[in-house]
């Protein structure tokens, strides 16, 4: 599977109180994989390999649900930073967040 990720961020998603939440990925590719479903499954499986706690919580979606994925147009993160006058080496997109503030802004502003 050949692909190149340009930029990404991950935020939590939450569902109803009686259901579990999980991770929501926002990915911008320079070159996307041919099979996005296989890519998504590979990410989930590799996280299980790398992190026993994730694997245990993902078992039958016990505490963490299946990851959700959004694919952004190339340049989306750059535009989001530019809209906030945050271009430059000191300003970067956070990779992993504890809240949804940034991704809610992304969802509203970026096609």
PDB file of N, CA and C in Angstrom:
ATOM      1  N   UNK A   1       0.862  -1.170   0.000  1.00  0.00           N
ATOM      2  CA  UNK A   1       0.000   0.000   0.000  1.00  0.00           C
ATOM      3  C   UNK A   1       0.907   1.231   0.000  1.00  0.00           C
ATOM      4  N   UNK A   2       0.847   2.005  -1.058  1.00  0.00           N
ATOM      5  CA  UNK A   2       1.667   3.209  -1.157  1.00  0.00           C
ATOM      6  C   UNK A   2       0.793   4.437  -0.917  1.00  0.00           C
ATOM      7  N   UNK A   3       1.310   5.327  -0.067  1.00  0.00           N
ATOM      8  CA  UNK A   3       0.620   6.581   0.215  1.00  0.00           C
ATOM      9  C   UNK A   3       1.604   7.518   0.890  1.00  0.00           C
ATOM     10  N   UNK A   4       1.249   8.797   0.954  1.00  0.00           N
ATOM     11  CA  UNK A   4       2.060   9.767   1.683  1.00  0.00           C
ATOM     12  C   UNK A   4       1.129  10.733   2.396  1.00  0.00           C
ATOM     13  N   UNK A   5       1.233  10.751   3.724  1.00  0.00           N
ATOM     14  CA  UNK A   5       0.426  11.656   4.538  1.00  0.00           C
ATOM     15  C   UNK A   5       1.135  13.000   4.604  1.00  0.00           C
ATOM     16  N   UNK A   6       0.429  14.046   4.249  1.00  0.00           N
ATOM     17  CA  UNK A   6       0.968  15.398   4.323  1.00  0.00           C
ATOM     18  C   UNK A   6       0.837  15.944   5.745  1.00  0.00           C
ATOM     19  N   UNK A   7      -0.339  15.773   6.348  1.00  0.00           N
ATOM     20  CA  UNK A   7      -0.587  16.272   7.697  1.00  0.00           C
ATOM     21  C   UNK A   7      -1.771  15.523   8.282  1.00  0.00           C
ATOM     22  N   UNK A   8      -1.867  15.540   9.622  1.00  0.00           N
ATOM     23  CA  UNK A   8      -2.989  14.873  10.275  1.00  0.00           C
ATOM     24  C   UNK A   8      -3.145  15.390  11.696  1.00  0.00           C
ATOM     25  N   UNK A   9      -4.313  15.148  12.253  1.00  0.00           N
ATOM     26  CA  UNK A   9      -4.556  15.358  13.666  1.00  0.00           C
ATOM     27  C   UNK A   9      -5.586  14.328  14.105  1.00  0.00           C
ATOM     28  N   UNK A  10      -5.583  14.025  15.389  1.00  0.00           N
ATOM     29  CA  UNK A  10      -6.502  13.034  15.952  1.00  0.00           C
ATOM     30  C   UNK A  10      -7.162  13.653  17.178  1.00  0.00           C
ATOM     31  N   UNK A  11      -8.468  13.491  17.274  1.00  0.00           N
ATOM     32  CA  UNK A  11      -9.236  14.021  18.402  1.00  0.00           C
ATOM     33  C   UNK A  11     -10.186  12.928  18.889  1.00  0.00           C
ATOM     34  N   UNK A  12     -10.672  13.064  20.098  1.00  0.00           N
ATOM     35  CA  UNK A  12     -11.662  12.085  20.572  1.00  0.00           C
ATOM     36  C   UNK A  12     -13.023  12.357  19.928  1.00  0.00           C
ATOM     37  N   UNK A  13     -13.804  11.316  19.813  1.00  0.00           N
ATOM     38  CA  UNK A  13     -15.221  11.503  19.514  1.00  0.00           C
ATOM     39  C   UNK A  13     -15.998  10.870  20.645  1.00  0.00           C
ATOM     40  N   UNK A  14     -17.136  11.413  20.894  1.00  0.00           N
ATOM     41  CA  UNK A  14     -17.976  10.940  21.985  1.00  0.00           C
ATOM     42  C   UNK A  14     -19.342  10.589  21.424  1.00  0.00           C
ATOM     43  N   UNK A  15     -19.937   9.563  21.985  1.00  0.00           N
ATOM     44  CA  UNK A  15     -21.278   9.171  21.573  1.00  0.00           C
ATOM     45  C   UNK A  15     -22.201   9.318  22.774  1.00  0.00           C
ATOM     46  N   UNK A  16     -23.345   8.687  22.726  1.00  0.00           N
ATOM     47  CA  UNK A  16     -24.291   8.748  23.841  1.00  0.00           C
ATOM     48  C   UNK A  16     -23.645   8.212  25.110  1.00  0.00           C
ATOM     49  N   UNK A  17     -24.203   8.581  26.261  1.00  0.00           N
ATOM     50  CA  UNK A  17     -23.628   8.171  27.549  1.00  0.00           C
ATOM     51  C   UNK A  17     -23.470   6.661  27.666  1.00  0.00           C
ATOM     52  N   UNK A  18     -24.397   5.900  27.123  1.00  0.00           N
ATOM     53  CA  UNK A  18     -24.337   4.443  27.268  1.00  0.00           C
ATOM     54  C   UNK A  18     -23.417   3.783  26.243  1.00  0.00           C
ATOM     55  N   UNK A  19     -22.893   4.541  25.312  1.00  0.00           N
ATOM     56  CA  UNK A  19     -22.018   3.994  24.278  1.00  0.00           C
ATOM     57  C   UNK A  19     -20.590   4.503  24.476  1.00  0.00           C
ATOM     58  N   UNK A  20     -19.668   3.872  23.790  1.00  0.00           N
ATOM     59  CA  UNK A  20     -18.262   4.267  23.899  1.00  0.00           C
ATOM     60  C   UNK A  20     -17.922   5.323  22.863  1.00  0.00           C
ATOM     61  N   UNK A  21     -16.833   6.023  23.090  1.00  0.00           N
ATOM     62  CA  UNK A  21     -16.293   6.967  22.129  1.00  0.00           C
ATOM     63  C   UNK A  21     -15.085   6.340  21.468  1.00  0.00           C
ATOM     64  N   UNK A  22     -14.285   7.184  20.844  1.00  0.00           N
ATOM     65  CA  UNK A  22     -13.101   6.662  20.184  1.00  0.00           C
ATOM     66  C   UNK A  22     -12.255   7.783  19.623  1.00  0.00           C
ATOM     67  N   UNK A  23     -11.424   7.433  18.653  1.00  0.00           N
ATOM     68  CA  UNK A  23     -10.530   8.390  18.019  1.00  0.00           C
ATOM     69  C   UNK A  23     -11.078   8.789  16.654  1.00  0.00           C
ATOM     70  N   UNK A  24     -10.975  10.072  16.349  1.00  0.00           N
ATOM     71  CA  UNK A  24     -11.402  10.581  15.054  1.00  0.00           C
ATOM     72  C   UNK A  24     -10.176  11.180  14.375  1.00  0.00           C
ATOM     73  N   UNK A  25      -9.834  10.653  13.223  1.00  0.00           N
ATOM     74  CA  UNK A  25      -8.645  11.038  12.484  1.00  0.00           C
ATOM     75  C   UNK A  25      -9.021  11.993  11.357  1.00  0.00           C
ATOM     76  N   UNK A  26      -8.203  13.038  11.189  1.00  0.00           N
ATOM     77  CA  UNK A  26      -8.345  13.997  10.101  1.00  0.00           C
ATOM     78  C   UNK A  26      -7.023  13.966   9.343  1.00  0.00           C
ATOM     79  N   UNK A  27      -7.062  13.479   8.121  1.00  0.00           N
ATOM     80  CA  UNK A  27      -5.831  13.205   7.371  1.00  0.00           C
ATOM     81  C   UNK A  27      -5.851  13.939   6.036  1.00  0.00           C
ATOM     82  N   UNK A  28      -4.710  14.519   5.722  1.00  0.00           N
ATOM     83  CA  UNK A  28      -4.490  15.171   4.433  1.00  0.00           C
ATOM     84  C   UNK A  28      -3.355  14.423   3.745  1.00  0.00           C
ATOM     85  N   UNK A  29      -3.606  13.889   2.578  1.00  0.00           N
ATOM     86  CA  UNK A  29      -2.610  13.124   1.834  1.00  0.00           C
ATOM     87  C   UNK A  29      -1.969  13.971   0.744  1.00  0.00           C
ATOM     88  N   UNK A  30      -0.685  13.701   0.490  1.00  0.00           N
ATOM     89  CA  UNK A  30      -0.065  14.122  -0.768  1.00  0.00           C
ATOM     90  C   UNK A  30      -0.462  13.109  -1.826  1.00  0.00           C
ATOM     91  N   UNK A  31      -0.469  11.837  -1.414  1.00  0.00           N
ATOM     92  CA  UNK A  31      -0.873  10.734  -2.287  1.00  0.00           C
ATOM     93  C   UNK A  31      -1.654   9.748  -1.424  1.00  0.00           C
ATOM     94  N   UNK A  32      -2.941   9.584  -1.705  1.00  0.00           N
ATOM     95  CA  UNK A  32      -3.811   8.713  -0.909  1.00  0.00           C
ATOM     96  C   UNK A  32      -3.627   7.249  -1.302  1.00  0.00           C
ATOM     97  N   UNK A  33      -3.853   6.345  -0.354  1.00  0.00           N
ATOM     98  CA  UNK A  33      -3.824   4.920  -0.704  1.00  0.00           C
ATOM     99  C   UNK A  33      -4.981   4.593  -1.643  1.00  0.00           C
ATOM    100  N   UNK A  34      -4.812   3.562  -2.445  1.00  0.00           N
ATOM    101  CA  UNK A  34      -5.871   3.150  -3.365  1.00  0.00           C
ATOM    102  C   UNK A  34      -7.097   2.628  -2.621  1.00  0.00           C
ATOM    103  N   UNK A  35      -6.874   1.966  -1.501  1.00  0.00           N
ATOM    104  CA  UNK A  35      -7.961   1.352  -0.739  1.00  0.00           C
ATOM    105  C   UNK A  35      -8.026   1.997   0.650  1.00  0.00           C
ATOM    106  N   UNK A  36      -8.892   2.989   0.810  1.00  0.00           N
ATOM    107  CA  UNK A  36      -8.983   3.709   2.081  1.00  0.00           C
ATOM    108  C   UNK A  36      -9.500   2.817   3.210  1.00  0.00           C
ATOM    109  N   UNK A  37     -10.398   1.892   2.918  1.00  0.00           N
ATOM    110  CA  UNK A  37     -10.896   0.985   3.951  1.00  0.00           C
ATOM    111  C   UNK A  37      -9.764   0.107   4.491  1.00  0.00           C
ATOM    112  N   UNK A  38      -8.932  -0.407   3.605  1.00  0.00           N
ATOM    113  CA  UNK A  38      -7.776  -1.216   4.033  1.00  0.00           C
ATOM    114  C   UNK A  38      -6.811  -0.360   4.842  1.00  0.00           C
ATOM    115  N   UNK A  39      -6.623   0.890   4.449  1.00  0.00           N
ATOM    116  CA  UNK A  39      -5.775   1.823   5.190  1.00  0.00           C
ATOM    117  C   UNK A  39      -6.315   2.011   6.616  1.00  0.00           C
ATOM    118  N   UNK A  40      -7.618   2.243   6.745  1.00  0.00           N
ATOM    119  CA  UNK A  40      -8.240   2.451   8.049  1.00  0.00           C
ATOM    120  C   UNK A  40      -8.096   1.213   8.936  1.00  0.00           C
ATOM    121  N   UNK A  41      -8.330   0.057   8.364  1.00  0.00           N
ATOM    122  CA  UNK A  41      -8.191  -1.186   9.123  1.00  0.00           C
ATOM    123  C   UNK A  41      -6.738  -1.414   9.541  1.00  0.00           C
ATOM    124  N   UNK A  42      -5.801  -1.064   8.679  1.00  0.00           N
ATOM    125  CA  UNK A  42      -4.378  -1.228   9.002  1.00  0.00           C
ATOM    126  C   UNK A  42      -3.970  -0.311  10.148  1.00  0.00           C
ATOM    127  N   UNK A  43      -4.485   0.925  10.168  1.00  0.00           N
ATOM    128  CA  UNK A  43      -4.195   1.850  11.270  1.00  0.00           C
ATOM    129  C   UNK A  43      -4.692   1.254  12.581  1.00  0.00           C
ATOM    130  N   UNK A  44      -5.938   0.810  12.596  1.00  0.00           N
ATOM    131  CA  UNK A  44      -6.530   0.236  13.805  1.00  0.00           C
ATOM    132  C   UNK A  44      -5.743  -0.986  14.274  1.00  0.00           C
ATOM    133  N   UNK A  45      -5.398  -1.864  13.356  1.00  0.00           N
ATOM    134  CA  UNK A  45      -4.650  -3.081  13.720  1.00  0.00           C
ATOM    135  C   UNK A  45      -3.252  -2.745  14.231  1.00  0.00           C
ATOM    136  N   UNK A  46      -2.581  -1.779  13.602  1.00  0.00           N
ATOM    137  CA  UNK A  46      -1.238  -1.418  14.052  1.00  0.00           C
ATOM    138  C   UNK A  46      -1.263  -0.781  15.431  1.00  0.00           C
ATOM    139  N   UNK A  47      -2.293   0.019  15.713  1.00  0.00           N
ATOM    140  CA  UNK A  47      -2.431   0.585  17.061  1.00  0.00           C
ATOM    141  C   UNK A  47      -2.587  -0.519  18.100  1.00  0.00           C
ATOM    142  N   UNK A  48      -3.290  -1.571  17.753  1.00  0.00           N
ATOM    143  CA  UNK A  48      -3.445  -2.720  18.666  1.00  0.00           C
ATOM    144  C   UNK A  48      -2.102  -3.397  18.909  1.00  0.00           C
ATOM    145  N   UNK A  49      -1.299  -3.517  17.862  1.00  0.00           N
ATOM    146  CA  UNK A  49       0.023  -4.136  17.988  1.00  0.00           C
ATOM    147  C   UNK A  49       0.937  -3.286  18.863  1.00  0.00           C
ATOM    148  N   UNK A  50       0.905  -1.976  18.650  1.00  0.00           N
ATOM    149  CA  UNK A  50       1.811  -1.062  19.348  1.00  0.00           C
ATOM    150  C   UNK A  50       1.395  -0.759  20.787  1.00  0.00           C
ATOM    151  N   UNK A  51       0.114  -0.926  21.111  1.00  0.00           N
ATOM    152  CA  UNK A  51      -0.383  -0.486  22.413  1.00  0.00           C
ATOM    153  C   UNK A  51      -1.361  -1.519  22.967  1.00  0.00           C
ATOM    154  N   UNK A  52      -0.906  -2.295  23.948  1.00  0.00           N
ATOM    155  CA  UNK A  52      -1.739  -3.354  24.541  1.00  0.00           C
ATOM    156  C   UNK A  52      -2.985  -2.777  25.200  1.00  0.00           C
ATOM    157  N   UNK A  53      -2.885  -1.582  25.770  1.00  0.00           N
ATOM    158  CA  UNK A  53      -4.040  -0.954  26.399  1.00  0.00           C
ATOM    159  C   UNK A  53      -5.106  -0.633  25.346  1.00  0.00           C
ATOM    160  N   UNK A  54      -4.679  -0.110  24.209  1.00  0.00           N
ATOM    161  CA  UNK A  54      -5.611   0.158  23.105  1.00  0.00           C
ATOM    162  C   UNK A  54      -6.267  -1.137  22.647  1.00  0.00           C
ATOM    163  N   UNK A  55      -5.466  -2.184  22.504  1.00  0.00           N
ATOM    164  CA  UNK A  55      -6.001  -3.474  22.059  1.00  0.00           C
ATOM    165  C   UNK A  55      -7.064  -3.989  23.033  1.00  0.00           C
ATOM    166  N   UNK A  56      -6.780  -3.897  24.318  1.00  0.00           N
ATOM    167  CA  UNK A  56      -7.742  -4.374  25.320  1.00  0.00           C
ATOM    168  C   UNK A  56      -9.035  -3.556  25.282  1.00  0.00           C
ATOM    169  N   UNK A  57      -8.904  -2.264  25.126  1.00  0.00           N
ATOM    170  CA  UNK A  57     -10.093  -1.402  25.096  1.00  0.00           C
ATOM    171  C   UNK A  57     -10.868  -1.527  23.793  1.00  0.00           C
ATOM    172  N   UNK A  58     -10.200  -1.892  22.708  1.00  0.00           N
ATOM    173  CA  UNK A  58     -10.868  -2.077  21.417  1.00  0.00           C
ATOM    174  C   UNK A  58     -11.517  -3.451  21.307  1.00  0.00           C
ATOM    175  N   UNK A  59     -11.164  -4.397  22.184  1.00  0.00           N
ATOM    176  CA  UNK A  59     -11.720  -5.745  22.132  1.00  0.00           C
ATOM    177  C   UNK A  59     -13.240  -5.667  22.211  1.00  0.00           C
ATOM    178  N   UNK A  60     -13.904  -6.080  21.158  1.00  0.00           N
ATOM    179  CA  UNK A  60     -15.374  -6.007  21.046  1.00  0.00           C
ATOM    180  C   UNK A  60     -15.894  -4.589  21.294  1.00  0.00           C
ATOM    181  N   UNK A  61     -15.082  -3.578  20.956  1.00  0.00           N
ATOM    182  CA  UNK A  61     -15.468  -2.176  21.169  1.00  0.00           C
ATOM    183  C   UNK A  61     -15.877  -1.919  22.615  1.00  0.00           C
ATOM    184  N   UNK A  62     -15.184  -2.590  23.532  1.00  0.00           N
ATOM    185  CA  UNK A  62     -15.532  -2.535  24.951  1.00  0.00           C
ATOM    186  C   UNK A  62     -15.472  -1.120  25.512  1.00  0.00           C
ATOM    187  N   UNK A  63     -14.343  -0.440  25.358  1.00  0.00           N
ATOM    188  CA  UNK A  63     -14.175   0.912  25.890  1.00  0.00           C
ATOM    189  C   UNK A  63     -13.830   1.957  24.834  1.00  0.00           C
ATOM    190  N   UNK A  64     -13.357   1.510  23.691  1.00  0.00           N
ATOM    191  CA  UNK A  64     -13.022   2.423  22.598  1.00  0.00           C
ATOM    192  C   UNK A  64     -13.649   1.861  21.324  1.00  0.00           C
ATOM    193  N   UNK A  65     -14.403   2.689  20.635  1.00  0.00           N
ATOM    194  CA  UNK A  65     -15.009   2.271  19.374  1.00  0.00           C
ATOM    195  C   UNK A  65     -14.022   2.330  18.224  1.00  0.00           C
ATOM    196  N   UNK A  66     -14.449   1.832  17.103  1.00  0.00           N
ATOM    197  CA  UNK A  66     -13.625   1.846  15.894  1.00  0.00           C
ATOM    198  C   UNK A  66     -13.296   3.289  15.519  1.00  0.00           C
ATOM    199  N   UNK A  67     -12.065   3.552  15.086  1.00  0.00           N
ATOM    200  CA  UNK A  67     -11.705   4.919  14.683  1.00  0.00           C
ATOM    201  C   UNK A  67     -12.563   5.405  13.520  1.00  0.00           C
ATOM    202  N   UNK A  68     -12.799   6.718  13.514  1.00  0.00           N
ATOM    203  CA  UNK A  68     -13.481   7.375  12.400  1.00  0.00           C
ATOM    204  C   UNK A  68     -12.431   8.156  11.626  1.00  0.00           C
ATOM    205  N   UNK A  69     -12.628   8.272  10.315  1.00  0.00           N
ATOM    206  CA  UNK A  69     -11.641   8.933   9.470  1.00  0.00           C
ATOM    207  C   UNK A  69     -12.306   9.987   8.595  1.00  0.00           C
ATOM    208  N   UNK A  70     -11.621  11.130   8.461  1.00  0.00           N
ATOM    209  CA  UNK A  70     -12.015  12.193   7.542  1.00  0.00           C
ATOM    210  C   UNK A  70     -10.803  12.486   6.676  1.00  0.00           C
ATOM    211  N   UNK A  71     -11.026  12.643   5.387  1.00  0.00           N
ATOM    212  CA  UNK A  71      -9.938  12.924   4.469  1.00  0.00           C
ATOM    213  C   UNK A  71     -10.104  14.339   3.941  1.00  0.00           C
ATOM    214  N   UNK A  72      -9.097  15.158   4.213  1.00  0.00           N
ATOM    215  CA  UNK A  72      -9.143  16.571   3.858  1.00  0.00           C
ATOM    216  C   UNK A  72      -8.406  16.818   2.543  1.00  0.00           C
ATOM    217  N   UNK A  73      -8.840  17.823   1.838  1.00  0.00           N
ATOM    218  CA  UNK A  73      -8.200  18.243   0.601  1.00  0.00           C
ATOM    219  C   UNK A  73      -6.790  18.737   0.925  1.00  0.00           C
ATOM    220  N   UNK A  74      -5.856  18.427   0.050  1.00  0.00           N
ATOM    221  CA  UNK A  74      -4.474  18.872   0.238  1.00  0.00           C
ATOM    222  C   UNK A  74      -4.439  20.393   0.405  1.00  0.00           C
ATOM    223  N   UNK A  75      -3.750  20.859   1.444  1.00  0.00           N
ATOM    224  CA  UNK A  75      -3.663  22.284   1.748  1.00  0.00           C
ATOM    225  C   UNK A  75      -4.639  22.735   2.824  1.00  0.00           C
ATOM    226  N   UNK A  76      -5.502  21.850   3.284  1.00  0.00           N
ATOM    227  CA  UNK A  76      -6.518  22.224   4.274  1.00  0.00           C
ATOM    228  C   UNK A  76      -5.916  22.691   5.586  1.00  0.00           C
ATOM    229  N   UNK A  77      -4.936  21.977   6.100  1.00  0.00           N
ATOM    230  CA  UNK A  77      -4.321  22.376   7.366  1.00  0.00           C
ATOM    231  C   UNK A  77      -3.569  23.700   7.204  1.00  0.00           C
ATOM    232  N   UNK A  78      -2.887  23.852   6.081  1.00  0.00           N
ATOM    233  CA  UNK A  78      -2.169  25.098   5.800  1.00  0.00           C
ATOM    234  C   UNK A  78      -3.158  26.268   5.780  1.00  0.00           C
ATOM    235  N   UNK A  79      -4.294  26.070   5.128  1.00  0.00           N
ATOM    236  CA  UNK A  79      -5.302  27.126   5.051  1.00  0.00           C
ATOM    237  C   UNK A  79      -5.875  27.437   6.431  1.00  0.00           C
ATOM    238  N   UNK A  80      -6.085  26.412   7.229  1.00  0.00           N
ATOM    239  CA  UNK A  80      -6.614  26.621   8.575  1.00  0.00           C
ATOM    240  C   UNK A  80      -5.635  27.474   9.397  1.00  0.00           C
ATOM    241  N   UNK A  81      -4.330  27.170   9.297  1.00  0.00           N
ATOM    242  CA  UNK A  81      -3.317  27.971   9.995  1.00  0.00           C
ATOM    243  C   UNK A  81      -3.274  29.393   9.432  1.00  0.00           C
ATOM    244  N   UNK A  82      -3.336  29.538   8.115  1.00  0.00           N
ATOM    245  CA  UNK A  82      -3.297  30.863   7.480  1.00  0.00           C
ATOM    246  C   UNK A  82      -4.478  31.714   7.927  1.00  0.00           C
ATOM    247  N   UNK A  83      -5.654  31.116   8.067  1.00  0.00           N
ATOM    248  CA  UNK A  83      -6.842  31.849   8.512  1.00  0.00           C
ATOM    249  C   UNK A  83      -6.650  32.444   9.905  1.00  0.00           C
ATOM    250  N   UNK A  84      -5.724  31.890  10.671  1.00  0.00           N
ATOM    251  CA  UNK A  84      -5.450  32.347  12.031  1.00  0.00           C
ATOM    252  C   UNK A  84      -4.120  33.088  12.154  1.00  0.00           C
ATOM    253  N   UNK A  85      -3.516  33.459  11.019  1.00  0.00           N
ATOM    254  CA  UNK A  85      -2.196  34.086  10.992  1.00  0.00           C
ATOM    255  C   UNK A  85      -1.190  33.274  11.833  1.00  0.00           C
ATOM    256  N   UNK A  86      -1.202  31.953  11.632  1.00  0.00           N
ATOM    257  CA  UNK A  86      -0.331  31.061  12.403  1.00  0.00           C
ATOM    258  C   UNK A  86       0.620  30.281  11.495  1.00  0.00           C
ATOM    259  N   UNK A  87       0.955  30.845  10.352  1.00  0.00           N
ATOM    260  CA  UNK A  87       1.913  30.171   9.479  1.00  0.00           C
ATOM    261  C   UNK A  87       3.324  30.423   9.988  1.00  0.00           C
ATOM    262  N   UNK A  88       4.174  29.448   9.845  1.00  0.00           N
ATOM    263  CA  UNK A  88       5.567  29.600  10.267  1.00  0.00           C
ATOM    264  C   UNK A  88       6.007  28.425  11.113  1.00  0.00           C
ATOM    265  N   UNK A  89       7.304  28.343  11.324  1.00  0.00           N
ATOM    266  CA  UNK A  89       7.903  27.205  12.013  1.00  0.00           C
ATOM    267  C   UNK A  89       7.445  26.978  13.440  1.00  0.00           C
ATOM    268  N   UNK A  90       7.005  28.026  14.122  1.00  0.00           N
ATOM    269  CA  UNK A  90       6.597  27.882  15.523  1.00  0.00           C
ATOM    270  C   UNK A  90       5.155  27.412  15.669  1.00  0.00           C
ATOM    271  N   UNK A  91       4.414  27.368  14.580  1.00  0.00           N
ATOM    272  CA  UNK A  91       3.008  26.985  14.632  1.00  0.00           C
ATOM    273  C   UNK A  91       2.812  25.681  13.877  1.00  0.00           C
ATOM    274  N   UNK A  92       2.286  24.691  14.583  1.00  0.00           N
ATOM    275  CA  UNK A  92       2.077  23.380  13.981  1.00  0.00           C
ATOM    276  C   UNK A  92       0.705  22.854  14.365  1.00  0.00           C
ATOM    277  N   UNK A  93       0.193  21.963  13.564  1.00  0.00           N
ATOM    278  CA  UNK A  93      -1.063  21.287  13.869  1.00  0.00           C
ATOM    279  C   UNK A  93      -0.774  20.256  14.964  1.00  0.00           C
ATOM    280  N   UNK A  94      -1.518  20.288  16.063  1.00  0.00           N
ATOM    281  CA  UNK A  94      -1.330  19.259  17.090  1.00  0.00           C
ATOM    282  C   UNK A  94      -1.662  17.878  16.525  1.00  0.00           C
ATOM    283  N   UNK A  95      -0.912  16.891  16.898  1.00  0.00           N
ATOM    284  CA  UNK A  95      -1.144  15.534  16.396  1.00  0.00           C
ATOM    285  C   UNK A  95      -2.247  14.808  17.166  1.00  0.00           C
ATOM    286  N   UNK A  96      -2.302  14.991  18.476  1.00  0.00           N
ATOM    287  CA  UNK A  96      -3.273  14.289  19.313  1.00  0.00           C
ATOM    288  C   UNK A  96      -3.842  15.273  20.316  1.00  0.00           C
ATOM    289  N   UNK A  97      -5.168  15.341  20.360  1.00  0.00           N
ATOM    290  CA  UNK A  97      -5.811  16.314  21.244  1.00  0.00           C
ATOM    291  C   UNK A  97      -6.733  15.618  22.233  1.00  0.00           C
ATOM    292  N   UNK A  98      -6.954  16.291  23.365  1.00  0.00           N
ATOM    293  CA  UNK A  98      -7.862  15.780  24.389  1.00  0.00           C
ATOM    294  C   UNK A  98      -9.274  16.322  24.223  1.00  0.00           C
ATOM    295  N   UNK A  99      -9.444  17.307  23.357  1.00  0.00           N
ATOM    296  CA  UNK A  99     -10.763  17.894  23.143  1.00  0.00           C
ATOM    297  C   UNK A  99     -11.015  18.044  21.645  1.00  0.00           C
ATOM    298  N   UNK A 100     -12.160  18.586  21.302  1.00  0.00           N
ATOM    299  CA  UNK A 100     -12.565  18.675  19.897  1.00  0.00           C
ATOM    300  C   UNK A 100     -12.534  20.102  19.356  1.00  0.00           C
ATOM    301  N   UNK A 101     -11.954  21.039  20.082  1.00  0.00           N
ATOM    302  CA  UNK A 101     -11.992  22.442  19.679  1.00  0.00           C
ATOM    303  C   UNK A 101     -11.454  22.643  18.260  1.00  0.00           C
ATOM    304  N   UNK A 102     -10.248  22.201  18.000  1.00  0.00           N
ATOM    305  CA  UNK A 102      -9.630  22.393  16.682  1.00  0.00           C
ATOM    306  C   UNK A 102     -10.405  21.675  15.596  1.00  0.00           C
ATOM    307  N   UNK A 103     -10.795  20.428  15.822  1.00  0.00           N
ATOM    308  CA  UNK A 103     -11.459  19.681  14.756  1.00  0.00           C
ATOM    309  C   UNK A 103     -12.860  20.214  14.470  1.00  0.00           C
ATOM    310  N   UNK A 104     -13.511  20.764  15.473  1.00  0.00           N
ATOM    311  CA  UNK A 104     -14.823  21.385  15.209  1.00  0.00           C
ATOM    312  C   UNK A 104     -14.641  22.606  14.313  1.00  0.00           C
ATOM    313  N   UNK A 105     -13.563  23.353  14.515  1.00  0.00           N
ATOM    314  CA  UNK A 105     -13.260  24.495  13.640  1.00  0.00           C
ATOM    315  C   UNK A 105     -12.955  23.990  12.228  1.00  0.00           C
ATOM    316  N   UNK A 106     -12.136  22.946  12.144  1.00  0.00           N
ATOM    317  CA  UNK A 106     -11.813  22.370  10.835  1.00  0.00           C
ATOM    318  C   UNK A 106     -13.075  21.934  10.087  1.00  0.00           C
ATOM    319  N   UNK A 107     -13.971  21.260  10.783  1.00  0.00           N
ATOM    320  CA  UNK A 107     -15.187  20.758  10.151  1.00  0.00           C
ATOM    321  C   UNK A 107     -16.065  21.898   9.620  1.00  0.00           C
ATOM    322  N   UNK A 108     -16.042  23.043  10.299  1.00  0.00           N
ATOM    323  CA  UNK A 108     -16.842  24.180   9.861  1.00  0.00           C
ATOM    324  C   UNK A 108     -16.195  24.942   8.693  1.00  0.00           C
ATOM    325  N   UNK A 109     -14.859  24.999   8.683  1.00  0.00           N
ATOM    326  CA  UNK A 109     -14.152  25.889   7.749  1.00  0.00           C
ATOM    327  C   UNK A 109     -13.607  25.214   6.499  1.00  0.00           C
ATOM    328  N   UNK A 110     -13.285  23.955   6.578  1.00  0.00           N
ATOM    329  CA  UNK A 110     -12.573  23.295   5.493  1.00  0.00           C
ATOM    330  C   UNK A 110     -13.532  22.379   4.730  1.00  0.00           C
ATOM    331  N   UNK A 111     -13.510  22.447   3.415  1.00  0.00           N
ATOM    332  CA  UNK A 111     -14.420  21.593   2.610  1.00  0.00           C
ATOM    333  C   UNK A 111     -14.063  20.122   2.714  1.00  0.00           C
TER     334      UNK A 111
END
